[in-house]
Structure formats: structure tokens, C-alpha cells
Amino acid sequence: MLGNLLACQWFGPKCKFCGASLSAGKVHTAEGFDVCHECDRHAVRDLRTAQALVAEVRTEIVKFGIKLPWGAIPIKLAPSDNSAVHARCEAARYADGRVASIWIRFMPGMPKPMFKATAAHELTHAWAYLSRSPMKQDEALSEGAPTLLEYNYLERNPSVYGEHRRNAIMTSSNKSYGKGARRLQAYAKDHGGLAGVLTLLKTGQTIPQGY
């Protein structure tokens, strides 16, 4: 019996979003994902809710040093062509780095804790664009820094999803979303914390060697 229980817990199907076991039941969402009932119950699928959550997160991340010099950023809810890409911040920039337009697209169906953490990540991209970060940055920096901010945001806003996502960031072999974030975490210890990482994101091309 114990062996069957452990096999179910560790090797059975997991929620697409929070990683929880689906042994107690699952929901196959309209977006095509198998998720736990809790993630489905808190799914964000309407634009008004999405806009309100982005505005809330935008206020919260000011304490991390992310203050956007811009009005309301257009938000879109649209399916993603790649199920691994949950959101994307895009900007049209002039040759000198100034932003002509900016918007964020979110995949519908994410539970609120995931949506808010993803918003923190994408708003960090928006801040970098609006701060005229270099047009051509190494992805370990351009994606690693927003991922590190996402990690810190989840640390301050604990949830089942947050624990799952933070563990993924700390163990992922991906050079940008995993290793890049961890390299910048090490960089932060020697360069004034997250503020130093944001300065590097705003001005640098790559993460310095040794990190």
C-alpha cells in the first residue's frame, strides 16, 4: 500500500501549473491543460481581472525597484503558440532605445498566483525597455533578471504554485531562466542586491564572467 501511495505521489500525473498530484482528480481546461481543481478555480480568463491584477502587481513591485515611467500598459489575453510560453512583453523601440509602443500578452487560464508572478516578470521586461536597456543583450541577462525578480516576488507572496515555481528556477538547467537567474543571484550578493542586478539589466550586455 505504501509503495503504491508513493508511486502515485511521485510518478503520477501532475498539475500543469502548480505541480500538485492529480491523483485526487483533475480538470481538463478549455486551454487544453490538465490541472488541479484549485488552479482551475483561480484561473484568470477575463480581461478585466487580468488588467486589475497587473495593476496590483505593478504597485507591489515598486518595492523591488521597478517603477515604470509609463501610463497603463495594454494587456492582451490570447492563447500561446507554445505551451511553455505563458506571457510575452513586446515593445517597438526606436534606434536610440526609446519606446514607441509596448504591450503584454498573457495566456488565459493561469491561476492567480501564477498570473501575478508572471506579471512581475513581464513588467520587469517593460521596465528594462522603458529604461532603454541595450537592444542586444545576452538572454541570460535579459531573461535571468526578470526571472530573479519573479523568484523574489514569489518569496514574498507564498503559495503552492510559488513553492513549485521557485524550486523550478533553482534547479532548472535552462541557461537563461534557470542558470541565468542563479548567476544573477550570486552577482547580487557582491553588487548591492537586486538593485545591482537591475542596474546591470538597464546598462549591461552580459552577466560578467565569474558569475
N, C-alpha and C. Protein backbone atom coordinates (compact mmCIF):
# COMPACT_ATOMS: atom_id res chain seq x y z
N MET A 1 0.83 -1.21 0.00
CA MET A 1 0.00 0.00 0.00
C MET A 1 0.87 1.26 0.00
N LEU A 2 1.89 1.28 0.89
CA LEU A 2 2.76 2.45 0.95
C LEU A 2 3.47 2.65 -0.38
N GLY A 3 3.93 1.55 -0.97
CA GLY A 3 4.61 1.66 -2.25
C GLY A 3 3.71 2.24 -3.31
N ASN A 4 2.46 1.84 -3.35
CA ASN A 4 1.50 2.38 -4.32
C ASN A 4 1.26 3.86 -4.09
N LEU A 5 1.17 4.25 -2.80
CA LEU A 5 0.95 5.65 -2.46
C LEU A 5 2.11 6.52 -2.93
N LEU A 6 3.33 6.05 -2.67
CA LEU A 6 4.50 6.82 -3.07
C LEU A 6 4.60 6.91 -4.59
N ALA A 7 4.29 5.81 -5.26
CA ALA A 7 4.33 5.83 -6.72
C ALA A 7 3.34 6.83 -7.26
N CYS A 8 2.18 6.90 -6.66
CA CYS A 8 1.14 7.85 -7.11
C CYS A 8 1.60 9.28 -6.86
N GLN A 9 2.22 9.51 -5.70
CA GLN A 9 2.63 10.86 -5.33
C GLN A 9 3.78 11.36 -6.19
N TRP A 10 4.76 10.49 -6.45
CA TRP A 10 5.97 10.96 -7.11
C TRP A 10 5.98 10.76 -8.62
N PHE A 11 5.25 9.76 -9.10
CA PHE A 11 5.32 9.45 -10.51
C PHE A 11 4.00 9.60 -11.24
N GLY A 12 2.94 9.91 -10.53
CA GLY A 12 1.64 10.09 -11.15
C GLY A 12 1.56 11.41 -11.88
N PRO A 13 0.46 11.66 -12.60
CA PRO A 13 0.29 12.92 -13.33
C PRO A 13 0.27 14.12 -12.38
N LYS A 14 0.83 15.23 -12.83
CA LYS A 14 0.93 16.43 -12.01
C LYS A 14 0.18 17.59 -12.68
N CYS A 15 -0.25 18.52 -11.87
CA CYS A 15 -0.90 19.73 -12.37
C CYS A 15 0.06 20.51 -13.26
N LYS A 16 -0.41 20.93 -14.39
CA LYS A 16 0.40 21.69 -15.35
C LYS A 16 1.01 22.92 -14.70
N PHE A 17 0.32 23.53 -13.76
CA PHE A 17 0.76 24.82 -13.23
C PHE A 17 1.48 24.71 -11.89
N CYS A 18 0.88 24.06 -10.89
CA CYS A 18 1.48 24.07 -9.55
C CYS A 18 2.24 22.80 -9.23
N GLY A 19 2.17 21.79 -10.10
CA GLY A 19 2.91 20.57 -9.88
C GLY A 19 2.29 19.62 -8.88
N ALA A 20 1.10 19.94 -8.36
CA ALA A 20 0.44 19.06 -7.39
C ALA A 20 -0.03 17.78 -8.07
N SER A 21 -0.09 16.71 -7.27
CA SER A 21 -0.57 15.43 -7.79
C SER A 21 -2.04 15.56 -8.23
N LEU A 22 -2.35 14.89 -9.32
CA LEU A 22 -3.72 14.87 -9.82
C LEU A 22 -4.44 13.58 -9.44
N SER A 23 -3.88 12.88 -8.47
CA SER A 23 -4.48 11.60 -8.07
C SER A 23 -5.87 11.78 -7.48
N ALA A 24 -6.15 12.95 -6.91
CA ALA A 24 -7.46 13.20 -6.32
C ALA A 24 -8.46 13.76 -7.33
N GLY A 25 -8.04 13.91 -8.56
CA GLY A 25 -8.94 14.44 -9.59
C GLY A 25 -8.29 15.56 -10.35
N LYS A 26 -8.74 15.74 -11.58
CA LYS A 26 -8.17 16.78 -12.42
C LYS A 26 -9.25 17.47 -13.23
N VAL A 27 -8.88 18.61 -13.79
CA VAL A 27 -9.74 19.35 -14.71
C VAL A 27 -8.97 19.50 -16.02
N HIS A 28 -9.61 19.13 -17.10
CA HIS A 28 -9.02 19.38 -18.43
C HIS A 28 -9.58 20.71 -18.90
N THR A 29 -8.75 21.73 -18.92
CA THR A 29 -9.24 23.09 -19.15
C THR A 29 -9.55 23.36 -20.61
N ALA A 30 -10.25 24.47 -20.82
CA ALA A 30 -10.57 24.90 -22.18
C ALA A 30 -9.31 25.18 -22.99
N GLU A 31 -8.22 25.49 -22.29
CA GLU A 31 -6.94 25.76 -22.97
C GLU A 31 -6.20 24.46 -23.30
N GLY A 32 -6.72 23.33 -22.84
CA GLY A 32 -6.10 22.05 -23.19
C GLY A 32 -5.13 21.49 -22.18
N PHE A 33 -5.16 21.99 -20.93
CA PHE A 33 -4.23 21.54 -19.91
C PHE A 33 -4.94 20.73 -18.83
N ASP A 34 -4.23 19.78 -18.25
CA ASP A 34 -4.72 19.04 -17.10
C ASP A 34 -4.19 19.71 -15.84
N VAL A 35 -5.12 20.20 -15.03
CA VAL A 35 -4.72 20.96 -13.83
C VAL A 35 -5.52 20.48 -12.63
N CYS A 36 -5.06 20.87 -11.45
CA CYS A 36 -5.79 20.54 -10.23
C CYS A 36 -7.01 21.45 -10.10
N HIS A 37 -7.93 21.05 -9.24
CA HIS A 37 -9.16 21.83 -9.07
C HIS A 37 -8.85 23.23 -8.53
N GLU A 38 -7.84 23.34 -7.66
CA GLU A 38 -7.51 24.65 -7.08
C GLU A 38 -7.01 25.62 -8.15
N CYS A 39 -6.14 25.16 -9.03
CA CYS A 39 -5.64 26.04 -10.09
C CYS A 39 -6.76 26.43 -11.05
N ASP A 40 -7.65 25.49 -11.34
CA ASP A 40 -8.77 25.82 -12.23
C ASP A 40 -9.71 26.82 -11.56
N ARG A 41 -9.91 26.67 -10.26
CA ARG A 41 -10.83 27.57 -9.55
C ARG A 41 -10.34 29.01 -9.56
N HIS A 42 -9.04 29.19 -9.60
CA HIS A 42 -8.47 30.55 -9.57
C HIS A 42 -7.96 31.00 -10.94
N ALA A 43 -8.40 30.34 -11.99
CA ALA A 43 -7.92 30.68 -13.33
C ALA A 43 -8.35 32.08 -13.76
N VAL A 44 -7.45 32.77 -14.44
CA VAL A 44 -7.73 34.12 -14.96
C VAL A 44 -8.05 33.99 -16.44
N ARG A 45 -9.32 34.31 -16.76
CA ARG A 45 -9.74 34.13 -18.15
C ARG A 45 -10.45 35.35 -18.72
N ASP A 46 -10.64 36.40 -17.93
CA ASP A 46 -11.29 37.59 -18.47
C ASP A 46 -10.35 38.78 -18.37
N LEU A 47 -10.46 39.68 -19.33
CA LEU A 47 -9.52 40.79 -19.46
C LEU A 47 -9.59 41.75 -18.29
N ARG A 48 -10.78 41.99 -17.76
CA ARG A 48 -10.90 42.94 -16.64
C ARG A 48 -10.13 42.45 -15.43
N THR A 49 -10.25 41.17 -15.11
CA THR A 49 -9.49 40.61 -13.99
C THR A 49 -7.99 40.70 -14.26
N ALA A 50 -7.59 40.38 -15.49
CA ALA A 50 -6.18 40.45 -15.84
C ALA A 50 -5.63 41.86 -15.67
N GLN A 51 -6.36 42.85 -16.12
CA GLN A 51 -5.91 44.24 -16.01
C GLN A 51 -5.78 44.65 -14.55
N ALA A 52 -6.74 44.23 -13.72
CA ALA A 52 -6.71 44.58 -12.30
C ALA A 52 -5.51 43.93 -11.60
N LEU A 53 -5.22 42.70 -11.94
CA LEU A 53 -4.09 42.01 -11.32
C LEU A 53 -2.76 42.61 -11.75
N VAL A 54 -2.64 42.99 -13.02
CA VAL A 54 -1.41 43.62 -13.48
C VAL A 54 -1.21 44.96 -12.76
N ALA A 55 -2.28 45.72 -12.59
CA ALA A 55 -2.18 46.99 -11.87
C ALA A 55 -1.75 46.76 -10.43
N GLU A 56 -2.28 45.72 -9.81
CA GLU A 56 -1.92 45.38 -8.43
C GLU A 56 -0.44 45.01 -8.33
N VAL A 57 0.02 44.17 -9.23
CA VAL A 57 1.42 43.75 -9.22
C VAL A 57 2.34 44.93 -9.51
N ARG A 58 1.91 45.79 -10.41
CA ARG A 58 2.72 46.96 -10.75
C ARG A 58 2.97 47.82 -9.51
N THR A 59 1.99 47.92 -8.64
CA THR A 59 2.15 48.66 -7.39
C THR A 59 3.08 47.91 -6.43
N GLU A 60 2.93 46.60 -6.39
CA GLU A 60 3.71 45.79 -5.45
C GLU A 60 5.20 45.77 -5.78
N ILE A 61 5.55 45.77 -7.05
CA ILE A 61 6.97 45.61 -7.40
C ILE A 61 7.75 46.92 -7.32
N VAL A 62 7.09 48.00 -6.98
CA VAL A 62 7.83 49.25 -6.74
C VAL A 62 8.85 49.03 -5.63
N LYS A 63 8.50 48.22 -4.63
CA LYS A 63 9.43 47.98 -3.51
C LYS A 63 10.68 47.21 -3.95
N PHE A 64 10.63 46.59 -5.13
CA PHE A 64 11.80 45.91 -5.67
C PHE A 64 12.64 46.84 -6.56
N GLY A 65 12.17 48.06 -6.76
CA GLY A 65 12.89 49.00 -7.61
C GLY A 65 12.34 49.11 -9.02
N ILE A 66 11.18 48.47 -9.27
CA ILE A 66 10.57 48.51 -10.60
C ILE A 66 9.44 49.53 -10.59
N LYS A 67 9.75 50.74 -11.02
CA LYS A 67 8.77 51.81 -11.12
C LYS A 67 8.72 52.24 -12.58
N LEU A 68 7.62 51.94 -13.23
CA LEU A 68 7.55 52.16 -14.68
C LEU A 68 7.16 53.60 -15.02
N PRO A 69 7.99 54.30 -15.81
CA PRO A 69 7.69 55.69 -16.22
C PRO A 69 6.75 55.69 -17.43
N TRP A 70 5.56 55.18 -17.27
CA TRP A 70 4.64 54.98 -18.39
C TRP A 70 3.24 54.90 -17.82
N GLY A 71 2.26 55.22 -18.64
CA GLY A 71 0.87 55.05 -18.22
C GLY A 71 0.47 53.59 -18.26
N ALA A 72 -0.82 53.35 -18.37
CA ALA A 72 -1.32 51.98 -18.41
C ALA A 72 -0.75 51.25 -19.63
N ILE A 73 -0.26 50.04 -19.41
CA ILE A 73 0.29 49.23 -20.49
C ILE A 73 -0.81 48.32 -21.02
N PRO A 74 -1.06 48.34 -22.32
CA PRO A 74 -2.11 47.48 -22.88
C PRO A 74 -1.88 46.00 -22.56
N ILE A 75 -2.93 45.33 -22.18
CA ILE A 75 -2.88 43.92 -21.82
C ILE A 75 -3.75 43.13 -22.80
N LYS A 76 -3.23 41.99 -23.23
CA LYS A 76 -4.00 41.11 -24.11
C LYS A 76 -4.06 39.72 -23.48
N LEU A 77 -5.19 39.04 -23.64
CA LEU A 77 -5.32 37.64 -23.27
C LEU A 77 -5.49 36.85 -24.56
N ALA A 78 -4.56 35.98 -24.85
CA ALA A 78 -4.62 35.22 -26.09
C ALA A 78 -3.86 33.92 -25.93
N PRO A 79 -4.35 32.85 -26.56
CA PRO A 79 -3.64 31.56 -26.49
C PRO A 79 -2.21 31.70 -27.02
N SER A 80 -1.33 30.88 -26.47
CA SER A 80 0.06 30.89 -26.89
C SER A 80 0.32 29.77 -27.88
N ASP A 81 1.13 30.05 -28.89
CA ASP A 81 1.51 29.01 -29.85
C ASP A 81 2.42 27.97 -29.21
N ASN A 82 3.08 28.37 -28.13
CA ASN A 82 4.00 27.49 -27.41
C ASN A 82 3.50 27.37 -25.97
N SER A 83 3.11 26.16 -25.56
CA SER A 83 2.53 25.98 -24.23
C SER A 83 3.52 26.30 -23.11
N ALA A 84 4.81 26.37 -23.43
CA ALA A 84 5.81 26.71 -22.43
C ALA A 84 5.96 28.22 -22.27
N VAL A 85 5.41 28.99 -23.19
CA VAL A 85 5.48 30.46 -23.12
C VAL A 85 4.14 30.96 -22.60
N HIS A 86 4.13 31.42 -21.36
CA HIS A 86 2.88 31.82 -20.72
C HIS A 86 2.55 33.29 -20.93
N ALA A 87 3.53 34.08 -21.26
CA ALA A 87 3.30 35.51 -21.47
C ALA A 87 4.47 36.09 -22.24
N ARG A 88 4.24 37.27 -22.80
CA ARG A 88 5.32 37.94 -23.53
C ARG A 88 5.09 39.45 -23.49
N CYS A 89 6.14 40.16 -23.08
CA CYS A 89 6.12 41.62 -23.17
C CYS A 89 6.84 42.01 -24.45
N GLU A 90 6.19 42.83 -25.26
CA GLU A 90 6.78 43.24 -26.53
C GLU A 90 6.76 44.76 -26.63
N ALA A 91 7.78 45.28 -27.26
CA ALA A 91 7.89 46.73 -27.41
C ALA A 91 8.46 47.06 -28.77
N ALA A 92 7.96 48.13 -29.34
CA ALA A 92 8.54 48.69 -30.55
C ALA A 92 9.44 49.83 -30.10
N ARG A 93 10.73 49.73 -30.44
CA ARG A 93 11.68 50.74 -29.96
C ARG A 93 12.36 51.43 -31.15
N TYR A 94 12.64 52.71 -30.95
CA TYR A 94 13.40 53.47 -31.93
C TYR A 94 14.87 53.05 -31.86
N ALA A 95 15.65 53.50 -32.81
CA ALA A 95 17.06 53.12 -32.88
C ALA A 95 17.83 53.56 -31.63
N ASP A 96 17.39 54.66 -31.00
CA ASP A 96 18.09 55.14 -29.81
C ASP A 96 17.60 54.47 -28.53
N GLY A 97 16.70 53.50 -28.65
CA GLY A 97 16.23 52.77 -27.49
C GLY A 97 14.93 53.25 -26.90
N ARG A 98 14.45 54.42 -27.34
CA ARG A 98 13.17 54.91 -26.82
C ARG A 98 12.03 54.01 -27.26
N VAL A 99 11.02 53.88 -26.40
CA VAL A 99 9.89 53.01 -26.68
C VAL A 99 8.81 53.77 -27.42
N ALA A 100 8.37 53.22 -28.55
CA ALA A 100 7.26 53.81 -29.30
C ALA A 100 5.94 53.24 -28.81
N SER A 101 5.90 51.94 -28.55
CA SER A 101 4.70 51.29 -28.00
C SER A 101 5.12 50.04 -27.26
N ILE A 102 4.26 49.62 -26.34
CA ILE A 102 4.59 48.46 -25.51
C ILE A 102 3.29 47.78 -25.10
N TRP A 103 3.32 46.45 -24.98
CA TRP A 103 2.13 45.71 -24.58
C TRP A 103 2.56 44.36 -24.00
N ILE A 104 1.65 43.74 -23.26
CA ILE A 104 1.93 42.43 -22.67
C ILE A 104 0.79 41.48 -23.03
N ARG A 105 1.14 40.31 -23.53
CA ARG A 105 0.15 39.28 -23.85
C ARG A 105 0.27 38.14 -22.85
N PHE A 106 -0.84 37.73 -22.27
CA PHE A 106 -0.88 36.64 -21.31
C PHE A 106 -1.71 35.48 -21.87
N MET A 107 -1.28 34.28 -21.57
CA MET A 107 -2.07 33.10 -21.89
C MET A 107 -3.23 33.00 -20.91
N PRO A 108 -4.46 32.85 -21.36
CA PRO A 108 -5.58 32.71 -20.43
C PRO A 108 -5.53 31.37 -19.71
N GLY A 109 -6.13 31.33 -18.52
CA GLY A 109 -6.24 30.09 -17.78
C GLY A 109 -5.24 29.90 -16.67
N MET A 110 -4.25 30.79 -16.55
CA MET A 110 -3.29 30.67 -15.46
C MET A 110 -3.97 30.98 -14.13
N PRO A 111 -3.67 30.24 -13.06
CA PRO A 111 -4.22 30.58 -11.75
C PRO A 111 -3.63 31.90 -11.26
N LYS A 112 -4.36 32.59 -10.38
CA LYS A 112 -3.95 33.93 -9.96
C LYS A 112 -2.51 34.01 -9.44
N PRO A 113 -2.06 33.11 -8.56
CA PRO A 113 -0.66 33.23 -8.10
C PRO A 113 0.34 33.17 -9.25
N MET A 114 0.07 32.32 -10.22
CA MET A 114 0.96 32.21 -11.38
C MET A 114 0.85 33.44 -12.26
N PHE A 115 -0.38 33.91 -12.47
CA PHE A 115 -0.57 35.10 -13.30
C PHE A 115 0.17 36.29 -12.71
N LYS A 116 0.07 36.49 -11.40
CA LYS A 116 0.70 37.64 -10.76
C LYS A 116 2.23 37.54 -10.82
N ALA A 117 2.77 36.34 -10.60
CA ALA A 117 4.22 36.18 -10.69
C ALA A 117 4.70 36.41 -12.13
N THR A 118 3.92 35.92 -13.08
CA THR A 118 4.25 36.14 -14.49
C THR A 118 4.17 37.62 -14.83
N ALA A 119 3.20 38.31 -14.27
CA ALA A 119 3.09 39.75 -14.49
C ALA A 119 4.32 40.48 -13.94
N ALA A 120 4.81 40.06 -12.77
CA ALA A 120 6.01 40.67 -12.20
C ALA A 120 7.20 40.49 -13.15
N HIS A 121 7.31 39.31 -13.72
CA HIS A 121 8.37 39.02 -14.70
C HIS A 121 8.25 39.92 -15.92
N GLU A 122 7.04 39.98 -16.50
CA GLU A 122 6.86 40.74 -17.74
C GLU A 122 6.96 42.25 -17.50
N LEU A 123 6.52 42.72 -16.36
CA LEU A 123 6.66 44.15 -16.05
C LEU A 123 8.13 44.54 -15.87
N THR A 124 8.95 43.58 -15.45
CA THR A 124 10.39 43.85 -15.37
C THR A 124 10.96 44.03 -16.78
N HIS A 125 10.48 43.22 -17.72
CA HIS A 125 10.87 43.43 -19.12
C HIS A 125 10.45 44.83 -19.57
N ALA A 126 9.21 45.20 -19.25
CA ALA A 126 8.70 46.52 -19.64
C ALA A 126 9.58 47.62 -19.06
N TRP A 127 9.96 47.47 -17.79
CA TRP A 127 10.82 48.46 -17.13
C TRP A 127 12.17 48.56 -17.86
N ALA A 128 12.72 47.41 -18.25
CA ALA A 128 14.01 47.41 -18.96
C ALA A 128 13.90 48.13 -20.30
N TYR A 129 12.82 47.85 -21.04
CA TYR A 129 12.62 48.53 -22.32
C TYR A 129 12.49 50.04 -22.11
N LEU A 130 11.69 50.43 -21.13
CA LEU A 130 11.45 51.85 -20.89
C LEU A 130 12.68 52.55 -20.32
N SER A 131 13.59 51.77 -19.74
CA SER A 131 14.85 52.32 -19.22
C SER A 131 15.94 52.34 -20.28
N ARG A 132 15.56 52.01 -21.52
CA ARG A 132 16.49 51.98 -22.66
C ARG A 132 17.64 51.01 -22.44
N SER A 133 17.31 49.82 -22.00
CA SER A 133 18.33 48.79 -21.88
C SER A 133 18.92 48.51 -23.26
N PRO A 134 20.15 47.98 -23.32
CA PRO A 134 20.77 47.71 -24.62
C PRO A 134 19.87 46.86 -25.51
N MET A 135 19.86 47.18 -26.79
CA MET A 135 18.97 46.49 -27.72
C MET A 135 19.34 45.02 -27.86
N LYS A 136 20.62 44.71 -27.79
CA LYS A 136 21.07 43.33 -27.94
C LYS A 136 21.77 42.90 -26.66
N GLN A 137 21.03 42.21 -25.82
CA GLN A 137 21.58 41.68 -24.58
C GLN A 137 21.63 40.16 -24.65
N ASP A 138 22.58 39.59 -23.94
CA ASP A 138 22.62 38.15 -23.79
C ASP A 138 21.36 37.72 -23.04
N GLU A 139 20.73 36.63 -23.50
CA GLU A 139 19.46 36.20 -22.91
C GLU A 139 19.59 35.81 -21.44
N ALA A 140 20.76 35.35 -21.04
CA ALA A 140 20.96 35.01 -19.63
C ALA A 140 20.72 36.22 -18.74
N LEU A 141 21.03 37.41 -19.25
CA LEU A 141 20.78 38.65 -18.52
C LEU A 141 19.35 39.15 -18.74
N SER A 142 18.94 39.23 -20.00
CA SER A 142 17.63 39.83 -20.31
C SER A 142 16.47 39.00 -19.77
N GLU A 143 16.64 37.67 -19.66
CA GLU A 143 15.60 36.82 -19.09
C GLU A 143 15.91 36.41 -17.65
N GLY A 144 17.20 36.32 -17.33
CA GLY A 144 17.58 35.93 -15.98
C GLY A 144 17.16 36.94 -14.93
N ALA A 145 17.30 38.25 -15.25
CA ALA A 145 16.94 39.28 -14.27
C ALA A 145 15.44 39.30 -13.98
N PRO A 146 14.56 39.30 -14.98
CA PRO A 146 13.12 39.22 -14.68
C PRO A 146 12.75 37.94 -13.93
N THR A 147 13.45 36.84 -14.23
CA THR A 147 13.17 35.59 -13.53
C THR A 147 13.58 35.68 -12.07
N LEU A 148 14.70 36.35 -11.79
CA LEU A 148 15.13 36.54 -10.42
C LEU A 148 14.13 37.43 -9.66
N LEU A 149 13.64 38.47 -10.31
CA LEU A 149 12.64 39.31 -9.66
C LEU A 149 11.37 38.51 -9.39
N GLU A 150 10.98 37.67 -10.35
CA GLU A 150 9.83 36.78 -10.17
C GLU A 150 10.05 35.88 -8.95
N TYR A 151 11.24 35.34 -8.82
CA TYR A 151 11.60 34.48 -7.69
C TYR A 151 11.42 35.24 -6.37
N ASN A 152 11.93 36.48 -6.33
CA ASN A 152 11.81 37.28 -5.10
C ASN A 152 10.36 37.64 -4.82
N TYR A 153 9.60 37.91 -5.88
CA TYR A 153 8.18 38.22 -5.70
C TYR A 153 7.45 37.03 -5.09
N LEU A 154 7.73 35.84 -5.58
CA LEU A 154 7.08 34.64 -5.07
C LEU A 154 7.49 34.36 -3.63
N GLU A 155 8.71 34.71 -3.28
CA GLU A 155 9.18 34.52 -1.91
C GLU A 155 8.36 35.36 -0.94
N ARG A 156 7.98 36.55 -1.37
CA ARG A 156 7.17 37.45 -0.52
C ARG A 156 5.68 37.14 -0.59
N ASN A 157 5.28 36.35 -1.57
CA ASN A 157 3.87 36.02 -1.75
C ASN A 157 3.74 34.50 -1.87
N PRO A 158 3.88 33.78 -0.75
CA PRO A 158 3.94 32.32 -0.79
C PRO A 158 2.63 31.67 -1.23
N SER A 159 2.76 30.57 -1.95
CA SER A 159 1.62 29.78 -2.41
C SER A 159 2.15 28.42 -2.84
N VAL A 160 1.26 27.48 -3.09
CA VAL A 160 1.67 26.17 -3.59
C VAL A 160 2.37 26.34 -4.93
N TYR A 161 1.78 27.17 -5.80
CA TYR A 161 2.40 27.43 -7.08
C TYR A 161 3.78 28.06 -6.88
N GLY A 162 3.87 29.03 -5.97
CA GLY A 162 5.12 29.74 -5.76
C GLY A 162 6.24 28.82 -5.32
N GLU A 163 5.95 27.89 -4.43
CA GLU A 163 6.97 26.93 -3.99
C GLU A 163 7.44 26.08 -5.17
N HIS A 164 6.49 25.65 -5.98
CA HIS A 164 6.81 24.83 -7.16
C HIS A 164 7.67 25.62 -8.14
N ARG A 165 7.29 26.86 -8.41
CA ARG A 165 8.00 27.68 -9.40
C ARG A 165 9.39 28.07 -8.90
N ARG A 166 9.51 28.43 -7.64
CA ARG A 166 10.81 28.82 -7.10
C ARG A 166 11.78 27.64 -7.13
N ASN A 167 11.28 26.46 -6.83
CA ASN A 167 12.13 25.26 -6.92
C ASN A 167 12.57 25.02 -8.36
N ALA A 168 11.65 25.25 -9.30
CA ALA A 168 11.99 25.06 -10.71
C ALA A 168 13.11 26.02 -11.14
N ILE A 169 13.03 27.27 -10.70
CA ILE A 169 14.05 28.26 -11.05
C ILE A 169 15.41 27.86 -10.49
N MET A 170 15.41 27.34 -9.27
CA MET A 170 16.67 26.99 -8.61
C MET A 170 17.27 25.68 -9.10
N THR A 171 16.51 24.88 -9.85
CA THR A 171 17.02 23.59 -10.31
C THR A 171 17.08 23.47 -11.83
N SER A 172 16.50 24.42 -12.55
CA SER A 172 16.44 24.32 -14.00
C SER A 172 17.84 24.43 -14.62
N SER A 173 18.06 23.62 -15.66
CA SER A 173 19.32 23.69 -16.39
C SER A 173 19.27 24.70 -17.54
N ASN A 174 18.11 25.34 -17.74
CA ASN A 174 17.98 26.33 -18.80
C ASN A 174 18.97 27.48 -18.56
N LYS A 175 19.72 27.85 -19.58
CA LYS A 175 20.81 28.83 -19.39
C LYS A 175 20.32 30.22 -19.03
N SER A 176 19.05 30.52 -19.33
CA SER A 176 18.52 31.86 -19.07
C SER A 176 17.59 31.87 -17.87
N TYR A 177 16.55 31.05 -17.91
CA TYR A 177 15.52 31.08 -16.88
C TYR A 177 15.92 30.34 -15.61
N GLY A 178 16.93 29.50 -15.70
CA GLY A 178 17.43 28.80 -14.54
C GLY A 178 18.82 29.29 -14.16
N LYS A 179 19.82 28.89 -14.96
CA LYS A 179 21.21 29.27 -14.65
C LYS A 179 21.41 30.78 -14.67
N GLY A 180 20.75 31.48 -15.60
CA GLY A 180 20.91 32.93 -15.66
C GLY A 180 20.43 33.60 -14.38
N ALA A 181 19.27 33.16 -13.89
CA ALA A 181 18.73 33.72 -12.65
C ALA A 181 19.66 33.43 -11.48
N ARG A 182 20.20 32.22 -11.43
CA ARG A 182 21.09 31.86 -10.32
C ARG A 182 22.42 32.60 -10.40
N ARG A 183 22.92 32.82 -11.60
CA ARG A 183 24.15 33.61 -11.75
C ARG A 183 23.92 35.04 -11.24
N LEU A 184 22.77 35.58 -11.55
CA LEU A 184 22.46 36.94 -11.11
C LEU A 184 22.18 36.99 -9.61
N GLN A 185 21.68 35.91 -9.06
CA GLN A 185 21.51 35.84 -7.61
C GLN A 185 22.88 35.93 -6.93
N ALA A 186 23.87 35.25 -7.51
CA ALA A 186 25.24 35.34 -6.98
C ALA A 186 25.81 36.73 -7.20
N TYR A 187 25.56 37.31 -8.37
CA TYR A 187 26.02 38.66 -8.67
C TYR A 187 25.45 39.66 -7.67
N ALA A 188 24.20 39.47 -7.29
CA ALA A 188 23.54 40.40 -6.37
C ALA A 188 24.24 40.45 -5.02
N LYS A 189 24.79 39.33 -4.59
CA LYS A 189 25.46 39.29 -3.28
C LYS A 189 26.69 40.18 -3.24
N ASP A 190 27.31 40.41 -4.40
CA ASP A 190 28.53 41.22 -4.46
C ASP A 190 28.28 42.64 -4.98
N HIS A 191 27.05 42.94 -5.43
CA HIS A 191 26.81 44.21 -6.09
C HIS A 191 25.51 44.88 -5.63
N GLY A 192 25.29 44.89 -4.34
CA GLY A 192 24.20 45.68 -3.80
C GLY A 192 22.81 45.08 -3.93
N GLY A 193 22.73 43.77 -4.02
CA GLY A 193 21.44 43.11 -4.04
C GLY A 193 20.71 43.26 -5.37
N LEU A 194 19.40 43.20 -5.30
CA LEU A 194 18.59 43.26 -6.51
C LEU A 194 18.79 44.58 -7.25
N ALA A 195 19.05 45.66 -6.52
CA ALA A 195 19.28 46.96 -7.16
C ALA A 195 20.47 46.88 -8.12
N GLY A 196 21.51 46.16 -7.73
CA GLY A 196 22.67 46.00 -8.60
C GLY A 196 22.34 45.20 -9.84
N VAL A 197 21.49 44.19 -9.70
CA VAL A 197 21.06 43.39 -10.84
C VAL A 197 20.25 44.25 -11.81
N LEU A 198 19.37 45.09 -11.28
CA LEU A 198 18.55 45.95 -12.14
C LEU A 198 19.41 46.98 -12.87
N THR A 199 20.45 47.48 -12.21
CA THR A 199 21.37 48.40 -12.88
C THR A 199 22.07 47.68 -14.04
N LEU A 200 22.49 46.45 -13.81
CA LEU A 200 23.13 45.67 -14.86
C LEU A 200 22.15 45.42 -16.00
N LEU A 201 20.89 45.10 -15.67
CA LEU A 201 19.88 44.86 -16.69
C LEU A 201 19.66 46.12 -17.53
N LYS A 202 19.71 47.27 -16.90
CA LYS A 202 19.46 48.54 -17.57
C LYS A 202 20.63 48.98 -18.44
N THR A 203 21.84 48.57 -18.09
CA THR A 203 23.02 49.14 -18.75
C THR A 203 23.93 48.11 -19.42
N GLY A 204 23.87 46.85 -19.02
CA GLY A 204 24.86 45.88 -19.46
C GLY A 204 24.44 45.05 -20.65
N GLN A 205 25.43 44.41 -21.24
CA GLN A 205 25.19 43.50 -22.36
C GLN A 205 25.13 42.05 -21.90
N THR A 206 25.97 41.71 -20.92
CA THR A 206 26.06 40.33 -20.46
C THR A 206 26.26 40.31 -18.93
N ILE A 207 26.11 39.14 -18.36
CA ILE A 207 26.49 38.94 -16.96
C ILE A 207 28.01 38.80 -16.92
N PRO A 208 28.69 39.54 -16.06
CA PRO A 208 30.16 39.46 -16.02
C PRO A 208 30.67 38.05 -15.78
N GLN A 209 31.83 37.75 -16.32
CA GLN A 209 32.45 36.45 -16.11
C GLN A 209 32.71 36.25 -14.62
N GLY A 210 32.62 35.04 -14.18
CA GLY A 210 32.81 34.73 -12.78
C GLY A 210 31.52 34.53 -12.05
N TYR A 211 30.41 34.82 -12.74
CA TYR A 211 29.08 34.62 -12.15
C TYR A 211 28.27 33.69 -13.03
